[in-house]
Amino acid sequence: MAGLKDATAIVGIGQTAFGKQLPESEKTLACRAILGALDDAGIAPSEVDAFASYTMEETDEVEVAKAVGAGDVTFFSKVGFGGGGSCATVAHLAAAVATGQASVGVAWRSRKRGSGPRPWKNTAVQLPTPAQWTRPYGLLRPADEIAMLARRYMHEYGATRDHLFNVALACRNRANQNPAAMMYERPLTRDMYMTARMISEPLCLFDNCLETDGALACVIVSAERARDCRQKPVYVHSVAQGLPSQHHGMVNYWNDDPLTGPAWTAARHLWKQADFGPEDVDVAQIYDAFTPLIPLSLEGYGFCGRGEGGAFTEGGALEIGGRLPLNTGGGGLSEAYVHGFNLINEGVKQLRGISTAQVPGAGTCLVTAGEGVPTSALLLRGA
């Protein structure tokens, strides 16, 4: 892993518009995001020789490569577990480029979750082995499983709905600064939050991510080549994936402590390979499909002690100027929910200095994938 440290860089990012119902197909959205990222980097599509995406991605590399005009492809991979795979797509390409398997890699995610069906409606695939321990007992959706973890966390450590509101508010405040965000110009107040309908107690509407149509992509090349690309490079400093021993999906039934999720496993590896620690992170993009994932991740990645994630959010800690500015494009809660890929691109924007909610002097950024499922993470470093 030491051979991956700063060996590659993200040199191009692209995205489509985000919306509840976009007319284009997922393939069209994917190609637009990819071509946008390549144009941002100043690299011709014919130079692309590596692809990485999610197992849940409906557009495959064969069709995408043909449609965008890629050359001969020598590396391609897909990562499982939905949002848990977001950062791993970049990690796989970084490894491929650093070891000479490819020279120009593209990672992407395209999704029509806003206008498409909800995954749990497909009853034909409702009962794989792990789900036999949850769905017959009413935990039908990811929101239900995270709600149970949230209730356990609140009981164990005294966290409150106000702590969850702090997360939702920080993300909404950043989205209010971001014209591309679905929640742009739609402020959130404490009264709105506290009176919102419950989705799965204790999680209300504003504790849940958006349902979005859209696509994003980024381009990875060697650090050497990055110096000659169109944009300021953002170096991939450290990468990690995490699957804890005896893990059991979001509910984590079979672990001694259900609240010690995959973030803890990924974090140990991530920091072990890095030249800096949590105290040196200027800005973070932490996966926020649900607000409780933020305090759990703050603890897992070492920003605070066990049980202190709720209290960490107090006093504007997650706002610009706070202890750890968070999800500065609005995140999955308020910008768009495309399985966390917008967090990667926002991390790049911060380190280029072009975010709509720029953290002054940001030079390091943590990006995380979904907590509660086998996960991944990136440490990004500015040039």
Protein backbone atom coordinates (compact mmCIF):
# COMPACT_ATOMS: atom_id res chain seq x y z
CA MET A 1 0.00 0.00 0.00
CA ALA A 2 2.90 2.37 0.63
CA GLY A 3 3.45 2.20 -3.12
CA LEU A 4 0.05 3.83 -3.67
CA LYS A 5 0.73 6.88 -1.50
CA ASP A 6 0.45 9.96 -3.72
CA ALA A 7 1.30 7.79 -6.74
CA THR A 8 -1.87 8.78 -8.58
CA ALA A 9 -4.13 11.79 -8.78
CA ILE A 10 -7.68 12.71 -9.69
CA VAL A 11 -7.37 15.12 -12.59
CA GLY A 12 -10.90 15.37 -13.94
CA ILE A 13 -14.42 15.44 -12.50
CA GLY A 14 -17.79 15.55 -14.22
CA GLN A 15 -21.43 15.44 -13.32
CA THR A 16 -24.86 15.84 -14.86
CA ALA A 17 -27.68 17.88 -13.46
CA PHE A 18 -29.44 16.32 -10.48
CA GLY A 19 -33.19 15.95 -10.29
CA LYS A 20 -36.15 13.89 -9.23
CA GLN A 21 -37.02 12.93 -12.80
CA LEU A 22 -34.48 13.41 -15.59
CA PRO A 23 -35.52 12.35 -19.10
CA GLU A 24 -32.20 10.79 -20.14
CA SER A 25 -31.36 7.10 -19.68
CA GLU A 26 -28.78 5.98 -17.14
CA LYS A 27 -26.38 5.19 -20.00
CA THR A 28 -26.74 8.67 -21.45
CA LEU A 29 -26.22 10.26 -18.03
CA ALA A 30 -23.15 8.08 -17.44
CA CYS A 31 -21.59 9.03 -20.75
CA ARG A 32 -22.22 12.74 -20.19
CA ALA A 33 -20.58 12.62 -16.76
CA ILE A 34 -17.59 10.65 -18.09
CA LEU A 35 -17.06 12.90 -21.11
CA GLY A 36 -17.35 15.91 -18.83
CA ALA A 37 -14.68 14.52 -16.51
CA LEU A 38 -12.35 13.77 -19.43
CA ASP A 39 -12.84 17.24 -20.84
CA ASP A 40 -12.13 18.69 -17.40
CA ALA A 41 -8.85 16.76 -17.38
CA GLY A 42 -7.95 17.59 -20.97
CA ILE A 43 -7.69 13.89 -21.88
CA ALA A 44 -9.15 12.34 -25.02
CA PRO A 45 -11.65 9.49 -24.56
CA SER A 46 -9.48 7.28 -26.77
CA GLU A 47 -6.79 7.31 -24.06
CA VAL A 48 -9.03 5.70 -21.43
CA ASP A 49 -7.92 2.13 -20.71
CA ALA A 50 -9.51 1.42 -17.31
CA PHE A 51 -12.99 1.60 -15.79
CA ALA A 52 -14.39 1.07 -12.30
CA SER A 53 -17.92 1.31 -10.98
CA TYR A 54 -20.41 -0.42 -8.69
CA THR A 55 -21.98 -3.87 -8.96
CA MET A 56 -25.29 -2.02 -8.67
CA GLU A 57 -24.43 0.10 -11.72
CA GLU A 58 -26.82 -0.67 -14.57
CA THR A 59 -24.52 0.68 -17.31
CA ASP A 60 -21.67 -1.74 -18.00
CA GLU A 61 -18.15 -0.93 -19.12
CA VAL A 62 -18.60 -2.57 -22.53
CA GLU A 63 -21.40 -0.23 -23.56
CA VAL A 64 -19.87 2.80 -21.88
CA ALA A 65 -16.46 2.22 -23.48
CA LYS A 66 -18.04 2.00 -26.93
CA ALA A 67 -20.28 5.01 -26.41
CA VAL A 68 -17.55 7.38 -25.18
CA GLY A 69 -14.94 6.15 -27.65
CA ALA A 70 -12.44 4.54 -25.27
CA GLY A 71 -9.39 2.70 -26.58
CA ASP A 72 -8.37 -0.86 -25.67
CA VAL A 73 -9.33 -1.40 -22.02
CA THR A 74 -6.82 -3.32 -19.89
CA PHE A 75 -8.43 -3.02 -16.45
CA PHE A 76 -12.05 -2.99 -15.28
CA SER A 77 -13.69 -3.69 -11.94
CA LYS A 78 -16.94 -3.32 -10.05
CA VAL A 79 -17.34 -2.96 -6.30
CA GLY A 80 -20.23 -4.33 -4.29
CA PHE A 81 -22.40 -3.12 -1.42
CA GLY A 82 -23.93 -0.02 -2.94
CA GLY A 83 -22.62 3.16 -1.39
CA GLY A 84 -19.95 1.20 0.45
CA GLY A 85 -18.12 0.88 -2.85
CA SER A 86 -17.87 4.54 -3.83
CA CYS A 87 -14.32 5.27 -2.69
CA ALA A 88 -13.18 1.77 -3.64
CA THR A 89 -13.78 2.55 -7.33
CA VAL A 90 -11.06 5.21 -7.08
CA ALA A 91 -8.88 2.90 -4.98
CA HIS A 92 -9.03 0.13 -7.58
CA LEU A 93 -8.08 2.50 -10.38
CA ALA A 94 -5.29 4.01 -8.30
CA ALA A 95 -3.85 0.54 -7.78
CA ALA A 96 -4.19 -0.30 -11.48
CA VAL A 97 -2.47 2.89 -12.61
CA ALA A 98 0.26 2.72 -9.95
CA THR A 99 1.14 -0.85 -10.92
CA GLY A 100 1.13 -0.25 -14.68
CA GLN A 101 -2.07 -2.15 -15.49
CA ALA A 102 -3.56 1.01 -16.99
CA SER A 103 -2.73 4.65 -17.59
CA VAL A 104 -6.05 6.53 -17.63
CA GLY A 105 -8.85 5.30 -15.38
CA VAL A 106 -12.47 6.42 -15.18
CA ALA A 107 -14.73 5.76 -12.21
CA TRP A 108 -18.44 6.55 -12.45
CA ARG A 109 -21.90 6.09 -11.02
CA SER A 110 -25.13 6.72 -12.89
CA ARG A 111 -28.47 6.24 -11.24
CA LYS A 112 -32.14 7.02 -11.76
CA ARG A 113 -33.22 6.50 -8.17
CA GLY A 114 -35.52 9.51 -8.22
CA SER A 115 -37.70 8.29 -11.06
CA GLY A 116 -36.88 4.59 -10.81
CA PRO A 117 -38.17 1.88 -8.45
CA ARG A 118 -37.10 1.51 -4.84
CA PRO A 119 -34.83 -1.54 -4.54
CA TRP A 120 -36.73 -3.16 -1.66
CA LYS A 121 -39.90 -3.36 -3.81
CA ASN A 122 -38.40 -6.32 -5.68
CA THR A 123 -39.87 -9.14 -3.59
CA ALA A 124 -38.09 -11.80 -5.65
CA VAL A 125 -34.78 -10.85 -4.02
CA GLN A 126 -36.01 -10.00 -0.54
CA LEU A 127 -34.65 -12.98 1.38
CA PRO A 128 -30.97 -13.69 0.91
CA THR A 129 -29.55 -15.29 4.03
CA PRO A 130 -28.76 -12.08 5.97
CA ALA A 131 -32.21 -10.65 5.26
CA GLN A 132 -33.88 -13.69 6.79
CA TRP A 133 -32.81 -12.24 10.14
CA THR A 134 -34.34 -8.82 9.49
CA ARG A 135 -37.11 -8.55 6.90
CA PRO A 136 -39.59 -11.03 8.41
CA TYR A 137 -39.45 -8.85 11.52
CA GLY A 138 -40.23 -5.55 9.82
CA LEU A 139 -36.79 -4.22 8.84
CA LEU A 140 -37.69 -3.94 5.16
CA ARG A 141 -35.65 -0.89 4.12
CA PRO A 142 -32.17 0.42 4.86
CA ALA A 143 -33.87 3.21 6.85
CA ASP A 144 -35.36 0.62 9.19
CA GLU A 145 -32.02 -1.04 9.84
CA ILE A 146 -30.20 2.22 10.47
CA ALA A 147 -33.08 3.40 12.67
CA MET A 148 -32.50 0.41 14.93
CA LEU A 149 -28.78 1.20 15.18
CA ALA A 150 -29.63 4.85 15.85
CA ARG A 151 -31.97 3.90 18.69
CA ARG A 152 -29.29 1.68 20.20
CA TYR A 153 -26.75 4.51 19.88
CA MET A 154 -29.09 7.00 21.54
CA HIS A 155 -29.78 4.57 24.38
CA GLU A 156 -26.12 3.70 24.95
CA TYR A 157 -24.60 7.17 24.72
CA GLY A 158 -27.34 9.74 25.25
CA ALA A 159 -27.36 11.12 21.73
CA THR A 160 -30.52 13.05 20.84
CA ARG A 161 -32.53 14.09 17.82
CA ASP A 162 -30.93 17.52 18.17
CA HIS A 163 -27.58 15.91 17.35
CA LEU A 164 -29.10 14.36 14.23
CA PHE A 165 -30.60 17.74 13.35
CA ASN A 166 -27.13 19.28 13.54
CA VAL A 167 -26.03 16.88 10.79
CA ALA A 168 -29.06 17.54 8.61
CA LEU A 169 -28.71 21.30 9.09
CA ALA A 170 -25.01 21.41 8.19
CA CYS A 171 -25.66 19.52 4.95
CA ARG A 172 -28.66 21.69 4.09
CA ASN A 173 -26.73 24.90 4.80
CA ARG A 174 -24.02 23.83 2.35
CA ALA A 175 -26.61 22.84 -0.25
CA ASN A 176 -28.14 26.32 0.09
CA GLN A 177 -24.80 27.64 -1.20
CA ASN A 178 -24.62 25.16 -4.10
CA PRO A 179 -26.72 25.97 -7.19
CA ALA A 180 -26.35 22.37 -8.41
CA ALA A 181 -27.89 20.92 -5.23
CA MET A 182 -31.44 19.60 -5.25
CA MET A 183 -32.08 21.49 -2.00
CA TYR A 184 -30.60 24.79 -3.19
CA GLU A 185 -32.69 27.70 -1.90
CA ARG A 186 -34.68 25.37 0.36
CA PRO A 187 -33.60 26.18 3.95
CA LEU A 188 -34.15 23.83 6.88
CA THR A 189 -35.17 24.95 10.36
CA ARG A 190 -35.24 23.08 13.66
CA ASP A 191 -39.03 23.38 13.76
CA MET A 192 -39.33 21.86 10.28
CA TYR A 193 -37.08 19.01 11.36
CA MET A 194 -38.77 18.29 14.69
CA THR A 195 -42.28 18.28 13.20
CA ALA A 196 -41.45 16.31 10.04
CA ARG A 197 -43.12 12.96 9.48
CA MET A 198 -41.32 9.91 10.75
CA ILE A 199 -39.92 7.47 8.20
CA SER A 200 -38.65 4.90 10.70
CA GLU A 201 -38.37 6.07 14.28
CA PRO A 202 -36.25 7.84 15.40
CA LEU A 203 -35.49 8.90 11.79
CA CYS A 204 -37.71 11.58 10.28
CA LEU A 205 -37.89 12.72 6.66
CA PHE A 206 -34.84 14.96 6.99
CA ASP A 207 -32.68 12.16 8.43
CA ASN A 208 -32.95 10.34 5.10
CA CYS A 209 -31.06 10.98 1.88
CA LEU A 210 -32.64 12.31 -1.27
CA GLU A 211 -33.95 10.21 -4.16
CA THR A 212 -32.01 11.39 -7.19
CA ASP A 213 -31.51 10.96 -10.91
CA GLY A 214 -28.00 11.87 -12.00
CA ALA A 215 -24.47 10.72 -12.73
CA LEU A 216 -20.90 11.61 -11.76
CA ALA A 217 -17.43 10.52 -12.85
CA CYS A 218 -13.76 11.19 -12.18
CA VAL A 219 -10.47 10.51 -13.97
CA ILE A 220 -7.36 9.01 -12.36
CA VAL A 221 -3.84 9.09 -13.80
CA SER A 222 -0.30 8.76 -12.47
CA ALA A 223 1.12 11.59 -10.37
CA GLU A 224 3.70 12.18 -13.09
CA ARG A 225 1.12 12.60 -15.83
CA ALA A 226 -1.11 14.66 -13.55
CA ARG A 227 1.38 17.50 -13.61
CA ASP A 228 0.64 18.01 -17.31
CA CYS A 229 -3.15 17.83 -17.14
CA ARG A 230 -5.53 20.75 -17.46
CA GLN A 231 -6.52 20.99 -13.79
CA LYS A 232 -4.66 21.18 -10.51
CA PRO A 233 -4.09 17.54 -9.43
CA VAL A 234 -5.61 16.11 -6.28
CA TYR A 235 -3.45 13.25 -5.04
CA VAL A 236 -4.80 9.94 -3.78
CA HIS A 237 -2.79 9.80 -0.57
CA SER A 238 -4.27 6.72 1.11
CA VAL A 239 -7.04 4.24 0.33
CA ALA A 240 -8.78 1.50 2.29
CA GLN A 241 -11.64 -0.93 2.23
CA GLY A 242 -13.20 -2.44 5.34
CA LEU A 243 -15.15 -5.64 6.02
CA PRO A 244 -15.09 -6.52 9.74
CA SER A 245 -14.92 -10.07 11.01
CA GLN A 246 -18.38 -11.64 11.35
CA HIS A 247 -20.06 -8.60 9.81
CA HIS A 248 -23.79 -8.84 9.15
CA GLY A 249 -24.96 -5.96 7.01
CA MET A 250 -26.27 -2.74 8.50
CA VAL A 251 -27.70 -4.35 11.63
CA ASN A 252 -24.37 -6.00 12.49
CA TYR A 253 -26.19 -8.63 14.58
CA TRP A 254 -23.30 -11.06 14.89
CA ASN A 255 -20.64 -8.66 16.14
CA ASP A 256 -19.97 -8.21 19.82
CA ASP A 257 -20.79 -4.53 19.37
CA PRO A 258 -23.25 -3.62 16.59
CA LEU A 259 -22.12 0.03 16.73
CA THR A 260 -18.56 -0.83 15.71
CA GLY A 261 -19.13 -0.90 11.98
CA PRO A 262 -16.93 -1.24 8.90
CA ALA A 263 -15.63 2.34 9.31
CA TRP A 264 -13.45 1.16 12.19
CA THR A 265 -11.82 -1.53 10.04
CA ALA A 266 -11.29 0.78 7.07
CA ALA A 267 -9.97 3.58 9.27
CA ARG A 268 -7.24 1.49 10.86
CA HIS A 269 -5.83 0.66 7.45
CA LEU A 270 -6.36 4.14 6.03
CA TRP A 271 -4.45 5.95 8.76
CA LYS A 272 -1.73 3.30 8.90
CA GLN A 273 -0.75 4.18 5.33
CA ALA A 274 -1.03 7.96 5.73
CA ASP A 275 1.45 10.68 6.61
CA PHE A 276 -1.18 12.53 8.65
CA GLY A 277 -4.00 11.75 11.06
CA PRO A 278 -7.58 12.81 11.80
CA GLU A 279 -6.39 15.99 13.52
CA ASP A 280 -4.82 17.10 10.24
CA VAL A 281 -7.94 16.75 8.08
CA ASP A 282 -9.15 20.16 6.88
CA VAL A 283 -12.50 19.08 5.46
CA ALA A 284 -14.46 15.82 5.32
CA GLN A 285 -17.00 14.33 2.95
CA ILE A 286 -18.65 11.63 5.08
CA TYR A 287 -21.27 9.32 3.62
CA ASP A 288 -24.67 10.52 4.77
CA ALA A 289 -27.43 8.30 3.47
CA PHE A 290 -28.84 8.74 6.99
CA THR A 291 -27.88 11.28 9.64
CA PRO A 292 -26.80 8.69 12.28
CA LEU A 293 -24.03 7.55 9.96
CA ILE A 294 -22.20 10.81 10.67
CA PRO A 295 -21.65 10.38 14.43
CA LEU A 296 -20.86 6.69 13.90
CA SER A 297 -18.31 7.60 11.23
CA LEU A 298 -16.81 10.46 13.25
CA GLU A 299 -15.99 7.89 15.93
CA GLY A 300 -14.89 5.16 13.53
CA TYR A 301 -12.44 7.44 11.70
CA GLY A 302 -10.99 8.78 14.94
CA PHE A 303 -12.28 12.34 15.14
CA CYS A 304 -13.69 11.75 18.61
CA GLY A 305 -13.96 9.06 21.25
CA ARG A 306 -16.44 6.25 21.49
CA GLY A 307 -19.93 7.58 22.17
CA GLU A 308 -18.86 11.18 21.53
CA GLY A 309 -20.07 11.50 17.95
CA GLY A 310 -23.35 13.14 18.91
CA ALA A 311 -21.71 15.74 21.13
CA PHE A 312 -19.09 16.39 18.44
CA THR A 313 -21.82 17.93 16.24
CA GLU A 314 -22.64 20.65 18.78
CA GLY A 315 -21.68 24.33 18.53
CA GLY A 316 -21.53 24.44 14.74
CA ALA A 317 -18.71 21.90 14.60
CA LEU A 318 -19.77 20.65 11.15
CA GLU A 319 -20.24 24.09 9.63
CA ILE A 320 -17.67 26.15 7.72
CA GLY A 321 -15.31 27.47 10.41
CA GLY A 322 -16.18 24.60 12.76
CA ARG A 323 -14.03 21.74 14.03
CA LEU A 324 -14.65 19.65 10.91
CA PRO A 325 -16.50 21.24 7.98
CA LEU A 326 -18.59 18.47 6.49
CA ASN A 327 -20.23 17.54 3.18
CA THR A 328 -19.64 20.96 1.72
CA GLY A 329 -21.70 20.40 -1.43
CA GLY A 330 -24.71 19.29 0.61
CA GLY A 331 -24.01 15.56 0.64
CA GLY A 332 -26.54 12.82 0.05
CA LEU A 333 -28.97 14.53 2.40
CA SER A 334 -29.24 17.80 0.49
CA GLU A 335 -27.20 17.88 -2.75
CA ALA A 336 -27.95 14.53 -4.40
CA TYR A 337 -27.87 10.86 -3.50
CA VAL A 338 -25.88 8.99 -6.14
CA HIS A 339 -24.34 6.37 -3.85
CA GLY A 340 -21.79 8.81 -2.48
CA PHE A 341 -19.98 9.70 -5.69
CA ASN A 342 -20.77 13.39 -5.28
CA LEU A 343 -18.71 13.29 -2.06
CA ILE A 344 -15.63 12.25 -4.08
CA ASN A 345 -16.08 15.07 -6.58
CA GLU A 346 -16.74 17.58 -3.81
CA GLY A 347 -13.51 16.53 -2.11
CA VAL A 348 -11.68 17.29 -5.35
CA LYS A 349 -13.38 20.68 -5.61
CA GLN A 350 -12.30 21.58 -2.08
CA LEU A 351 -8.67 20.76 -2.77
CA ARG A 352 -8.79 22.69 -6.05
CA GLY A 353 -10.23 25.63 -4.15
CA ILE A 354 -13.42 25.85 -6.25
CA SER A 355 -16.17 24.56 -3.93
CA THR A 356 -19.31 26.65 -3.53
CA ALA A 357 -18.65 26.41 0.22
CA GLN A 358 -14.88 26.59 0.16
CA VAL A 359 -12.92 25.87 3.34
CA PRO A 360 -10.10 28.42 3.39
CA GLY A 361 -6.71 26.84 2.77
CA ALA A 362 -8.03 23.26 2.56
CA GLY A 363 -5.15 20.90 1.80
CA THR A 364 -6.40 17.54 3.04
CA CYS A 365 -9.77 15.82 2.73
CA LEU A 366 -11.26 12.58 4.01
CA VAL A 367 -13.90 10.97 1.80
CA THR A 368 -15.83 7.98 3.11
CA ALA A 369 -18.22 5.47 1.62
CA GLY A 370 -21.29 3.96 3.28
CA GLU A 371 -21.02 3.05 6.94
CA GLY A 372 -23.00 -0.02 8.02
CA VAL A 373 -22.06 -2.01 4.91
CA PRO A 374 -18.63 -3.19 3.72
CA THR A 375 -17.04 0.15 3.06
CA SER A 376 -14.12 2.14 1.65
CA ALA A 377 -12.40 5.48 2.18
CA LEU A 378 -9.95 7.90 0.60
CA LEU A 379 -7.55 10.46 1.91
CA LEU A 380 -7.02 13.16 -0.68
CA ARG A 381 -4.18 15.70 -0.66
CA GLY A 382 -3.91 18.92 -2.59
CA ALA A 383 -0.99 19.81 -4.83
